[in-house]
Amino acid sequence: MDGFTIALASDRIARLPADYLSLTIDTSLVLGGHWWSSIRGTREGLALEKVEPINLRSPQLSAYARLLAPAMLRIGGTEADRVGYRIAKKGRKGEQASKAEPEATPDRELILKKKLWKRINAFAQEAGFGILFVVSTGPLDRDRSGSWMACNARKLIEYTVRKGFPVLAWELGNEVNGYLFTQGFRNRVSAARYVEDFGVFSRLVRELHPGSLAVGPASSVWPVIGEPNPIIPALGKSLSMAQSDVISWHYYPQQSSRGMLANRRASERMLLDPRRLDSVRKLSRAIAKAARGRQVWMTESGHALYGGEKGLSDTYLSSLWWLDELGLLAREGVSRVFRQSLVGADYGLLDQSTFAPRPDYYASFLWKKLMGRVVFAGPSVEGPDRRIRAYYHSSAKKQGSGCLLVVSLRNSPSRIFLPAPIIERYVVEPLDGLRSTRMMLNGVILDEDLLFKWGKKKTCRKYRISEPAYGDRDGAAVSTTFELPSYSYAFLILHTGL
């Protein structure tokens, strides 16, 4: 069995917000638009069929959402730029709504009405989420010269402020650098135009909702090549963007088979290749440089673009990529990462039909419960290859300790040598191969009692969480090694005296 030695560093390089791991529910799923199903193919970046809106009143959905709080919930997606807001303010005698209130048209199929907006915010409040809402900046919200018109957004923001809804941030548009593909050649938006639009938007947010943040441009950033039709560099150096505003971007390591450029055979291999996983580091550093000291958020990320890949995104395999990306981006200074999505299609943490938790839900839950907000440099891993990856934070569970996340991309077990004793261990591996939907925690089949009975003594005993070798009669720690199964991940609470 190959051995790997992990060395920890005490240098603190970042402090994350409590809602670093945040979530999305796509506009299409909330409003009943074009959402991903078993039908392959896309048209203007959208799925080919429409769906019924998700049931935000579901007690089961709310229960699972609450377990991932605190988080921000992004309501956005491609169709966010095709939504009108019908937030009519009736007069004292109940006058009719203004004729300017938008109606559904072939170009603007979706209308966000007041009742649904209340329901979205109620769902977020019940779950313990704040909201990041994507404001439409599509063709129907532009004048003849192509400038963004704020009237559609102004009514929504004013109403939100009056009601005290939990909206913490507003994002101007969704992947505006990709309008050439999603809105058509005539409706493409240049970097110069978006910079001008963002100046209007940022001032509007500060005027109407000064306690919230203005976010943009939610650019699509591709593996290797970066940001096509780049907007971020121009926005970051412009005077349109206040220092308190936030730079946002989207990243998917690959396409699903619904996309034209998909290569299903490469999907599994890519997620197990350290070089491919590391590619997001270079992209992140370039965006951080362009942001010029501002916060950077990744407001969409999932295993595969266009709804994820069935049999991959909804299986254990995806969890290795997901945890590695969370650890890597935290170390690179990204302030928030929004998982596409909490529920929906193949990449949802929850199954769209049953709301049952998928493997990535459990991985996200464990991250929330165990990985603390202080990010340390390193750690360094010495061994025969690069397929053991490690990330070190303060512990969210125990004072005076740290939490080490170790991800194995190896097809054989590994012996891990640590510089500090283990207090608790959470070693997760698939029950039946990488594409399994069931896992084992410390050799015990993982079930929902871990979620709903977290921290109970009975639960800890069942899953053998406390390290039995920790502490002899004199209180001396003795356990500094452990065996990491092939293709597994482990959260280790270490006694480091932090």
Protein backbone atom coordinates (compact mmCIF):
# COMPACT_ATOMS: atom_id res chain seq x y z
CA MET A 1 0.00 0.00 0.00
CA ASP A 2 1.43 3.38 -1.03
CA GLY A 3 2.03 5.94 1.70
CA PHE A 4 1.41 9.70 1.63
CA THR A 5 2.59 12.23 4.19
CA ILE A 6 0.52 15.37 4.70
CA ALA A 7 2.17 18.43 6.23
CA LEU A 8 -0.02 21.21 7.63
CA ALA A 9 0.69 24.95 7.59
CA SER A 10 -0.49 27.54 10.10
CA ASP A 11 -0.58 30.46 7.64
CA ARG A 12 -4.13 31.83 7.39
CA ILE A 13 -4.83 32.87 3.80
CA ALA A 14 -8.59 33.52 3.80
CA ARG A 15 -11.67 33.79 5.97
CA LEU A 16 -14.85 32.55 4.32
CA PRO A 17 -18.38 33.77 4.97
CA ALA A 18 -20.65 31.26 6.67
CA ASP A 19 -22.56 30.89 3.40
CA TYR A 20 -19.48 30.17 1.25
CA LEU A 21 -21.20 27.06 -0.11
CA SER A 22 -24.38 28.51 -1.58
CA LEU A 23 -27.08 27.18 -3.89
CA THR A 24 -29.24 27.89 -6.90
CA ILE A 25 -32.70 27.10 -8.18
CA ASP A 26 -32.96 27.91 -11.86
CA THR A 27 -35.41 30.55 -13.08
CA SER A 28 -36.76 28.04 -15.61
CA LEU A 29 -37.67 25.58 -12.86
CA VAL A 30 -39.16 28.23 -10.55
CA LEU A 31 -41.37 29.80 -13.22
CA GLY A 32 -42.08 26.76 -15.37
CA GLY A 33 -39.89 27.51 -18.36
CA HIS A 34 -37.63 25.44 -20.59
CA TRP A 35 -35.87 23.07 -18.22
CA TRP A 36 -33.66 20.03 -18.68
CA SER A 37 -35.33 16.64 -19.10
CA SER A 38 -34.54 13.36 -20.81
CA ILE A 39 -34.85 15.06 -24.21
CA ARG A 40 -31.40 15.85 -25.62
CA GLY A 41 -30.50 18.97 -27.52
CA THR A 42 -30.69 22.70 -26.93
CA ARG A 43 -32.09 25.76 -28.66
CA GLU A 44 -30.66 29.17 -27.82
CA GLY A 45 -29.03 27.65 -24.75
CA LEU A 46 -32.36 26.32 -23.45
CA ALA A 47 -33.95 22.92 -23.08
CA LEU A 48 -36.40 21.88 -25.76
CA GLU A 49 -39.47 21.44 -23.57
CA LYS A 50 -41.24 23.34 -20.82
CA VAL A 51 -41.90 21.96 -17.33
CA GLU A 52 -44.25 22.63 -14.47
CA PRO A 53 -42.89 24.99 -11.78
CA ILE A 54 -41.18 23.37 -8.79
CA ASN A 55 -43.32 23.08 -5.67
CA LEU A 56 -41.70 25.51 -3.25
CA ARG A 57 -44.33 24.64 -0.64
CA SER A 58 -43.09 21.06 -0.31
CA PRO A 59 -42.25 20.30 3.36
CA GLN A 60 -39.67 17.77 2.19
CA LEU A 61 -37.88 20.29 -0.01
CA SER A 62 -37.86 22.83 2.84
CA ALA A 63 -36.55 20.26 5.31
CA TYR A 64 -33.57 19.32 3.15
CA ALA A 65 -32.90 22.97 2.29
CA ARG A 66 -32.76 23.94 5.99
CA LEU A 67 -30.01 21.42 6.60
CA LEU A 68 -27.73 23.34 4.23
CA ALA A 69 -28.26 26.74 5.86
CA PRO A 70 -26.76 29.25 6.05
CA ALA A 71 -26.58 29.80 2.31
CA MET A 72 -27.50 32.27 -0.37
CA LEU A 73 -30.04 31.06 -2.92
CA ARG A 74 -29.52 32.31 -6.46
CA ILE A 75 -32.61 32.59 -8.62
CA GLY A 76 -31.18 32.84 -12.11
CA GLY A 77 -30.28 31.07 -15.33
CA THR A 78 -30.57 31.63 -19.07
CA GLU A 79 -34.27 32.49 -18.93
CA ALA A 80 -33.66 35.08 -16.22
CA ASP A 81 -32.94 37.48 -19.11
CA ARG A 82 -36.40 36.84 -20.58
CA VAL A 83 -38.52 37.51 -17.49
CA GLY A 84 -40.88 40.40 -16.90
CA TYR A 85 -41.86 41.45 -13.36
CA ARG A 86 -45.55 42.08 -12.77
CA ILE A 87 -45.34 43.84 -9.42
CA ALA A 88 -48.30 46.21 -9.77
CA LYS A 89 -48.89 48.66 -6.99
CA LYS A 90 -52.60 49.25 -6.65
CA GLY A 91 -53.86 52.59 -5.48
CA ARG A 92 -56.00 53.12 -2.44
CA LYS A 93 -59.16 52.58 -4.45
CA GLY A 94 -57.76 49.60 -6.33
CA GLU A 95 -56.92 51.19 -9.67
CA GLN A 96 -55.98 48.88 -12.48
CA ALA A 97 -52.34 47.91 -12.90
CA SER A 98 -50.28 50.16 -15.12
CA LYS A 99 -50.35 49.43 -18.84
CA ALA A 100 -46.57 49.28 -18.60
CA GLU A 101 -46.80 46.05 -16.63
CA PRO A 102 -45.29 43.31 -18.86
CA GLU A 103 -47.38 40.63 -20.50
CA ALA A 104 -46.24 37.23 -21.70
CA THR A 105 -45.09 37.23 -25.33
CA PRO A 106 -43.23 34.74 -27.56
CA ASP A 107 -40.02 36.65 -26.73
CA ARG A 108 -40.81 36.99 -23.03
CA GLU A 109 -42.59 33.78 -22.09
CA LEU A 110 -42.10 34.10 -18.35
CA ILE A 111 -43.67 36.63 -15.99
CA LEU A 112 -42.72 36.83 -12.32
CA LYS A 113 -45.87 37.79 -10.48
CA LYS A 114 -46.14 39.20 -7.00
CA LYS A 115 -47.61 36.01 -5.52
CA LEU A 116 -44.72 33.85 -6.71
CA TRP A 117 -42.14 36.42 -5.64
CA LYS A 118 -43.63 36.28 -2.14
CA ARG A 119 -43.50 32.47 -2.24
CA ILE A 120 -39.83 32.45 -3.31
CA ASN A 121 -38.89 34.74 -0.45
CA ALA A 122 -40.99 32.77 2.04
CA PHE A 123 -39.19 29.58 0.98
CA ALA A 124 -35.83 31.26 1.47
CA GLN A 125 -36.77 32.61 4.90
CA GLU A 126 -38.04 29.20 6.03
CA ALA A 127 -34.79 27.57 4.92
CA GLY A 128 -32.52 30.21 6.45
CA PHE A 129 -31.30 31.47 3.06
CA GLY A 130 -30.61 34.92 1.71
CA ILE A 131 -31.37 35.52 -1.97
CA LEU A 132 -29.23 36.52 -4.93
CA PHE A 133 -31.65 37.49 -7.71
CA VAL A 134 -30.66 37.78 -11.37
CA VAL A 135 -32.16 40.90 -12.96
CA SER A 136 -33.12 40.69 -16.62
CA THR A 137 -30.85 42.53 -19.02
CA GLY A 138 -32.07 40.82 -22.19
CA PRO A 139 -33.29 42.41 -25.43
CA LEU A 140 -36.74 43.36 -24.08
CA ASP A 141 -35.08 45.38 -21.31
CA ARG A 142 -33.05 47.50 -23.75
CA ASP A 143 -33.93 50.61 -25.72
CA ARG A 144 -33.38 51.11 -29.44
CA SER A 145 -29.77 52.14 -28.90
CA GLY A 146 -29.11 48.93 -26.93
CA SER A 147 -28.85 50.54 -23.49
CA TRP A 148 -30.28 48.68 -20.51
CA MET A 149 -33.53 50.15 -19.14
CA ALA A 150 -33.91 50.02 -15.36
CA CYS A 151 -37.71 50.38 -15.17
CA ASN A 152 -38.41 46.61 -15.02
CA ALA A 153 -35.90 46.12 -12.20
CA ARG A 154 -36.77 49.30 -10.31
CA LYS A 155 -40.32 48.16 -9.50
CA LEU A 156 -39.12 44.79 -8.29
CA ILE A 157 -36.38 46.22 -6.08
CA GLU A 158 -38.66 48.88 -4.60
CA TYR A 159 -41.30 46.28 -3.76
CA THR A 160 -38.69 43.93 -2.28
CA VAL A 161 -37.37 46.67 0.00
CA ARG A 162 -40.87 47.64 1.16
CA LYS A 163 -41.61 44.05 2.11
CA GLY A 164 -38.27 43.44 3.81
CA PHE A 165 -37.62 40.31 1.78
CA PRO A 166 -34.28 38.51 2.38
CA VAL A 167 -32.62 39.60 -0.87
CA LEU A 168 -28.95 40.22 -0.13
CA ALA A 169 -27.67 40.81 -3.65
CA TRP A 170 -28.80 41.58 -7.21
CA GLU A 171 -26.98 40.28 -10.28
CA LEU A 172 -27.19 42.04 -13.64
CA GLY A 173 -27.85 39.42 -16.28
CA ASN A 174 -26.90 35.80 -16.79
CA GLU A 175 -23.85 34.94 -18.90
CA VAL A 176 -24.08 38.16 -20.89
CA ASN A 177 -20.84 37.26 -22.68
CA GLY A 178 -22.77 34.36 -24.23
CA TYR A 179 -25.67 36.39 -25.63
CA LEU A 180 -24.37 35.68 -29.13
CA PHE A 181 -25.51 32.07 -28.57
CA THR A 182 -28.52 32.54 -26.30
CA GLN A 183 -30.04 35.80 -27.57
CA GLY A 184 -28.82 35.89 -31.15
CA PHE A 185 -26.22 37.86 -33.10
CA ARG A 186 -28.27 41.06 -33.23
CA ASN A 187 -28.74 41.07 -29.44
CA ARG A 188 -25.13 40.49 -28.41
CA VAL A 189 -23.79 42.91 -25.77
CA SER A 190 -20.27 44.30 -25.96
CA ALA A 191 -18.03 44.71 -22.93
CA ALA A 192 -18.24 48.50 -23.29
CA ARG A 193 -22.04 48.38 -23.34
CA TYR A 194 -22.22 46.11 -20.28
CA VAL A 195 -19.83 48.36 -18.34
CA GLU A 196 -22.16 51.29 -19.02
CA ASP A 197 -25.19 49.22 -18.04
CA PHE A 198 -23.55 48.08 -14.82
CA GLY A 199 -22.86 51.67 -13.79
CA VAL A 200 -26.60 52.41 -14.03
CA PHE A 201 -27.41 49.18 -12.21
CA SER A 202 -24.91 49.70 -9.39
CA ARG A 203 -26.20 53.20 -8.71
CA LEU A 204 -29.78 51.90 -8.76
CA VAL A 205 -29.01 49.22 -6.17
CA ARG A 206 -27.21 51.68 -3.90
CA GLU A 207 -30.09 54.14 -4.22
CA LEU A 208 -32.98 51.73 -3.64
CA HIS A 209 -31.43 48.94 -1.56
CA PRO A 210 -28.21 50.18 0.04
CA GLY A 211 -27.89 47.16 2.31
CA SER A 212 -27.53 44.82 -0.65
CA LEU A 213 -24.78 44.17 -3.21
CA ALA A 214 -24.59 44.70 -6.96
CA VAL A 215 -23.12 41.68 -8.74
CA GLY A 216 -22.02 40.99 -12.32
CA PRO A 217 -21.38 40.02 -15.09
CA ALA A 218 -22.03 36.29 -14.36
CA SER A 219 -19.78 35.46 -17.30
CA SER A 220 -19.48 31.96 -18.65
CA VAL A 221 -15.86 30.88 -18.23
CA TRP A 222 -14.78 27.81 -20.15
CA PRO A 223 -12.12 25.28 -19.17
CA VAL A 224 -8.68 26.09 -20.58
CA ILE A 225 -9.68 29.05 -22.79
CA GLY A 226 -11.25 31.21 -20.08
CA GLU A 227 -13.94 33.85 -20.71
CA PRO A 228 -15.14 34.00 -24.33
CA ASN A 229 -16.14 37.53 -25.42
CA PRO A 230 -14.55 38.83 -22.20
CA ILE A 231 -16.37 41.36 -20.04
CA ILE A 232 -14.73 40.88 -16.64
CA PRO A 233 -11.41 42.70 -17.37
CA ALA A 234 -13.21 45.77 -18.71
CA LEU A 235 -15.71 45.81 -15.85
CA GLY A 236 -13.06 45.35 -13.18
CA LYS A 237 -11.00 48.35 -14.27
CA SER A 238 -13.97 50.63 -14.98
CA LEU A 239 -15.31 53.40 -12.77
CA SER A 240 -18.80 51.93 -13.26
CA MET A 241 -18.07 49.30 -10.64
CA ALA A 242 -17.85 50.41 -7.02
CA GLN A 243 -15.25 48.73 -4.84
CA SER A 244 -18.07 47.14 -2.83
CA ASP A 245 -19.60 45.53 -5.96
CA VAL A 246 -18.94 41.88 -6.74
CA ILE A 247 -17.40 40.18 -9.80
CA SER A 248 -19.22 36.95 -10.71
CA TRP A 249 -18.50 34.08 -13.08
CA HIS A 250 -19.76 30.61 -14.01
CA TYR A 251 -17.75 27.45 -14.47
CA TYR A 252 -18.60 23.93 -15.62
CA PRO A 253 -15.73 21.51 -16.25
CA GLN A 254 -17.56 19.90 -19.19
CA GLN A 255 -20.80 19.71 -21.16
CA SER A 256 -23.46 17.07 -20.77
CA SER A 257 -24.60 14.96 -23.72
CA ARG A 258 -27.41 17.51 -24.26
CA GLY A 259 -24.79 19.92 -25.63
CA MET A 260 -23.28 19.92 -29.12
CA LEU A 261 -19.68 19.65 -27.89
CA ALA A 262 -20.27 16.85 -25.39
CA ASN A 263 -17.98 13.84 -25.17
CA ARG A 264 -19.48 11.37 -22.75
CA ARG A 265 -16.51 9.03 -22.88
CA ALA A 266 -14.25 11.71 -21.42
CA SER A 267 -16.57 12.69 -18.59
CA GLU A 268 -15.49 10.21 -15.94
CA ARG A 269 -11.84 10.38 -16.91
CA MET A 270 -11.81 14.18 -16.64
CA LEU A 271 -13.11 14.13 -13.08
CA LEU A 272 -10.32 11.82 -11.98
CA ASP A 273 -7.46 13.72 -13.64
CA PRO A 274 -5.60 16.06 -11.23
CA ARG A 275 -4.43 18.25 -14.11
CA ARG A 276 -8.00 18.83 -15.25
CA LEU A 277 -9.13 19.59 -11.72
CA ASP A 278 -6.30 22.08 -11.30
CA SER A 279 -7.27 24.01 -14.44
CA VAL A 280 -9.83 26.06 -12.51
CA ARG A 281 -6.99 27.49 -10.38
CA LYS A 282 -5.47 29.39 -13.30
CA LEU A 283 -8.87 30.74 -14.34
CA SER A 284 -9.68 31.80 -10.79
CA ARG A 285 -6.42 33.69 -10.42
CA ALA A 286 -6.96 35.57 -13.67
CA ILE A 287 -10.43 36.65 -12.57
CA ALA A 288 -9.21 37.66 -9.11
CA LYS A 289 -6.55 39.83 -10.76
CA ALA A 290 -9.17 41.47 -12.99
CA ALA A 291 -11.44 42.07 -9.97
CA ARG A 292 -8.84 44.40 -8.43
CA GLY A 293 -9.51 43.62 -4.80
CA ARG A 294 -13.28 43.17 -5.06
CA GLN A 295 -15.11 40.08 -3.90
CA VAL A 296 -15.30 37.26 -6.46
CA TRP A 297 -18.26 34.88 -6.50
CA MET A 298 -18.77 31.81 -8.67
CA THR A 299 -22.52 32.14 -9.05
CA GLU A 300 -23.00 28.91 -10.99
CA SER A 301 -21.07 25.67 -10.99
CA GLY A 302 -22.09 22.09 -11.63
CA HIS A 303 -20.60 18.84 -12.82
CA ALA A 304 -21.67 19.36 -16.46
CA LEU A 305 -23.33 22.16 -18.42
CA TYR A 306 -26.91 21.75 -19.67
CA GLY A 307 -28.46 20.00 -16.72
CA GLY A 308 -25.65 17.60 -15.85
CA GLU A 309 -25.09 14.08 -17.14
CA LYS A 310 -27.39 11.28 -16.02
CA GLY A 311 -25.40 8.41 -14.51
CA LEU A 312 -22.50 10.73 -13.65
CA SER A 313 -23.67 14.01 -12.13
CA ASP A 314 -26.20 12.24 -9.93
CA THR A 315 -23.76 9.62 -8.63
CA TYR A 316 -20.94 9.36 -6.13
CA LEU A 317 -18.34 10.16 -8.80
CA SER A 318 -19.43 13.80 -8.90
CA SER A 319 -18.70 14.26 -5.18
CA LEU A 320 -14.94 13.86 -5.68
CA TRP A 321 -14.94 16.73 -8.19
CA TRP A 322 -17.34 18.86 -6.13
CA LEU A 323 -15.40 18.71 -2.87
CA ASP A 324 -12.11 19.26 -4.64
CA GLU A 325 -13.46 22.37 -6.36
CA LEU A 326 -14.83 23.76 -3.08
CA GLY A 327 -11.48 23.27 -1.39
CA LEU A 328 -9.46 24.68 -4.26
CA LEU A 329 -11.62 27.80 -4.76
CA ALA A 330 -11.65 28.57 -1.03
CA ARG A 331 -7.86 28.51 -1.11
CA GLU A 332 -7.85 30.82 -4.15
CA GLY A 333 -9.92 33.46 -2.38
CA VAL A 334 -13.32 32.98 -4.05
CA SER A 335 -15.83 34.26 -1.50
CA ARG A 336 -18.88 32.21 -2.50
CA VAL A 337 -19.56 29.20 -4.71
CA PHE A 338 -23.16 28.61 -5.83
CA ARG A 339 -23.98 25.01 -6.67
CA GLN A 340 -26.19 24.53 -9.72
CA SER A 341 -28.45 23.36 -8.30
CA LEU A 342 -30.19 22.64 -5.01
CA VAL A 343 -32.84 20.75 -6.96
CA GLY A 344 -33.35 20.05 -10.64
CA ALA A 345 -32.14 17.93 -13.57
CA ASP A 346 -29.19 15.58 -13.20
CA TYR A 347 -26.87 17.92 -11.29
CA GLY A 348 -29.33 18.79 -8.52
CA LEU A 349 -28.31 17.94 -4.98
CA LEU A 350 -31.89 16.75 -4.58
CA ASP A 351 -33.81 14.61 -7.03
CA GLN A 352 -36.29 16.78 -8.92
CA SER A 353 -39.17 14.29 -8.64
CA THR A 354 -38.75 12.88 -5.14
CA PHE A 355 -36.51 15.50 -3.44
CA ALA A 356 -34.39 12.59 -2.20
CA PRO A 357 -30.77 13.57 -1.44
CA ARG A 358 -28.10 12.52 -3.91
CA PRO A 359 -24.42 11.84 -3.10
CA ASP A 360 -23.40 15.48 -3.65
CA TYR A 361 -25.98 16.52 -1.08
CA TYR A 362 -24.24 14.43 1.58
CA ALA A 363 -20.85 15.81 0.51
CA SER A 364 -22.22 19.37 0.79
CA PHE A 365 -23.79 18.64 4.18
CA LEU A 366 -20.51 17.31 5.57
CA TRP A 367 -18.61 20.32 4.23
CA LYS A 368 -21.11 22.65 5.93
CA LYS A 369 -20.90 20.84 9.25
CA LEU A 370 -17.17 20.24 9.39
CA MET A 371 -15.09 22.68 7.33
CA GLY A 372 -14.57 25.94 9.21
CA ARG A 373 -14.30 29.46 7.87
CA VAL A 374 -10.55 29.98 8.30
CA VAL A 375 -8.57 28.67 5.32
CA PHE A 376 -4.94 27.68 5.80
CA ALA A 377 -2.16 27.55 3.22
CA GLY A 378 -1.30 24.19 1.72
CA PRO A 379 -1.32 21.52 2.96
CA SER A 380 1.52 19.77 1.16
CA VAL A 381 1.21 16.12 0.17
CA GLU A 382 4.27 13.93 -0.37
CA GLY A 383 3.82 10.59 -2.08
CA PRO A 384 4.27 8.57 -5.27
CA ASP A 385 1.68 10.51 -7.32
CA ARG A 386 -0.61 13.58 -7.32
CA ARG A 387 -3.86 11.72 -6.81
CA ILE A 388 -4.17 12.49 -3.11
CA ARG A 389 -5.48 16.02 -2.71
CA ALA A 390 -5.88 17.85 0.61
CA TYR A 391 -7.41 21.06 1.98
CA TYR A 392 -7.10 22.37 5.52
CA HIS A 393 -9.48 24.70 7.39
CA SER A 394 -10.34 25.47 10.96
CA SER A 395 -12.92 23.07 12.37
CA ALA A 396 -16.56 24.15 12.32
CA LYS A 397 -17.30 21.56 15.00
CA LYS A 398 -14.62 21.69 17.69
CA GLN A 399 -12.59 24.58 19.07
CA GLY A 400 -8.87 24.04 19.24
CA SER A 401 -8.91 21.75 16.22
CA GLY A 402 -8.65 21.81 12.45
CA CYS A 403 -10.49 20.00 9.69
CA LEU A 404 -8.55 18.30 6.95
CA LEU A 405 -10.33 17.26 3.75
CA VAL A 406 -8.54 14.52 1.84
CA VAL A 407 -9.75 13.37 -1.60
CA SER A 408 -8.40 10.21 -3.20
CA LEU A 409 -8.47 9.88 -6.99
CA ARG A 410 -6.54 6.60 -6.77
CA ASN A 411 -7.82 3.16 -7.72
CA SER A 412 -6.09 1.56 -4.73
CA PRO A 413 -6.01 2.22 -0.96
CA SER A 414 -3.48 4.65 0.50
CA ARG A 415 -1.82 4.99 3.88
CA ILE A 416 -1.99 8.58 5.10
CA PHE A 417 0.52 9.94 7.64
CA LEU A 418 -0.53 13.06 9.55
CA PRO A 419 1.34 15.50 11.81
CA ALA A 420 -1.51 15.67 14.34
CA PRO A 421 -3.79 13.15 16.03
CA ILE A 422 -7.28 12.38 14.71
CA ILE A 423 -10.22 13.24 16.97
CA GLU A 424 -13.02 12.34 14.55
CA ARG A 425 -13.04 10.80 11.12
CA TYR A 426 -15.63 10.78 8.34
CA VAL A 427 -14.36 8.49 5.58
CA VAL A 428 -16.83 8.19 2.67
CA GLU A 429 -16.62 5.68 -0.17
CA PRO A 430 -19.11 4.35 -2.74
CA LEU A 431 -21.14 1.29 -1.87
CA ASP A 432 -20.92 -0.23 -5.33
CA GLY A 433 -18.51 1.53 -7.68
CA LEU A 434 -17.95 5.13 -8.71
CA ARG A 435 -21.40 5.45 -10.28
CA SER A 436 -23.18 4.26 -7.18
CA THR A 437 -25.87 6.40 -5.58
CA ARG A 438 -25.24 4.85 -2.14
CA MET A 439 -22.23 5.40 0.08
CA MET A 440 -20.59 4.09 3.20
CA LEU A 441 -19.38 6.26 6.06
CA ASN A 442 -16.58 4.62 8.02
CA GLY A 443 -17.66 1.28 6.61
CA VAL A 444 -21.35 1.71 7.54
CA ILE A 445 -24.03 2.23 4.88
CA LEU A 446 -24.90 5.91 4.94
CA ASP A 447 -28.51 6.83 5.62
CA GLU A 448 -30.56 9.93 6.31
CA ASP A 449 -30.19 9.59 10.07
CA LEU A 450 -26.80 11.27 9.62
CA LEU A 451 -28.67 14.34 8.33
CA PHE A 452 -31.60 14.54 10.69
CA LYS A 453 -29.87 13.17 13.80
CA TRP A 454 -26.56 14.89 13.30
CA GLY A 455 -24.43 15.09 16.42
CA LYS A 456 -26.51 12.63 18.45
CA LYS A 457 -24.49 10.11 20.46
CA LYS A 458 -26.35 7.21 18.86
CA THR A 459 -25.50 8.52 15.39
CA CYS A 460 -21.83 8.98 16.29
CA ARG A 461 -21.61 5.46 17.66
CA LYS A 462 -23.37 3.96 14.63
CA TYR A 463 -20.96 5.57 12.17
CA ARG A 464 -17.86 5.16 14.39
CA ILE A 465 -17.07 8.84 14.10
CA SER A 466 -15.01 9.33 17.26
CA GLU A 467 -11.50 8.00 16.91
CA PRO A 468 -11.21 5.17 19.50
CA ALA A 469 -7.43 5.46 19.65
CA TYR A 470 -7.49 9.14 20.55
CA GLY A 471 -6.24 9.79 24.07
CA ASP A 472 -4.75 7.30 26.53
CA ARG A 473 -4.92 7.60 30.32
CA ASP A 474 -2.51 10.52 30.29
CA GLY A 475 -4.41 12.29 27.55
CA ALA A 476 -1.68 11.67 24.99
CA ALA A 477 -2.94 11.36 21.43
CA VAL A 478 -1.83 8.30 19.54
CA SER A 479 -3.63 8.12 16.18
CA THR A 480 -1.79 9.94 13.39
CA THR A 481 -2.27 7.50 10.50
CA PHE A 482 -5.26 6.08 8.70
CA GLU A 483 -6.11 4.08 5.59
CA LEU A 484 -7.92 5.94 2.82
CA PRO A 485 -9.89 3.62 0.49
CA SER A 486 -9.67 3.98 -3.27
CA TYR A 487 -11.79 6.77 -4.78
CA SER A 488 -12.87 8.07 -1.40
CA TYR A 489 -12.92 11.31 0.55
CA ALA A 490 -12.38 11.95 4.24
CA PHE A 491 -13.04 14.82 6.64
CA LEU A 492 -10.68 14.52 9.59
CA ILE A 493 -10.98 16.58 12.78
CA LEU A 494 -7.41 16.95 14.03
CA HIS A 495 -6.15 18.01 17.43
CA THR A 496 -3.89 20.86 16.40
CA GLY A 497 -4.37 23.38 19.22
CA LEU A 498 -5.69 26.10 16.89
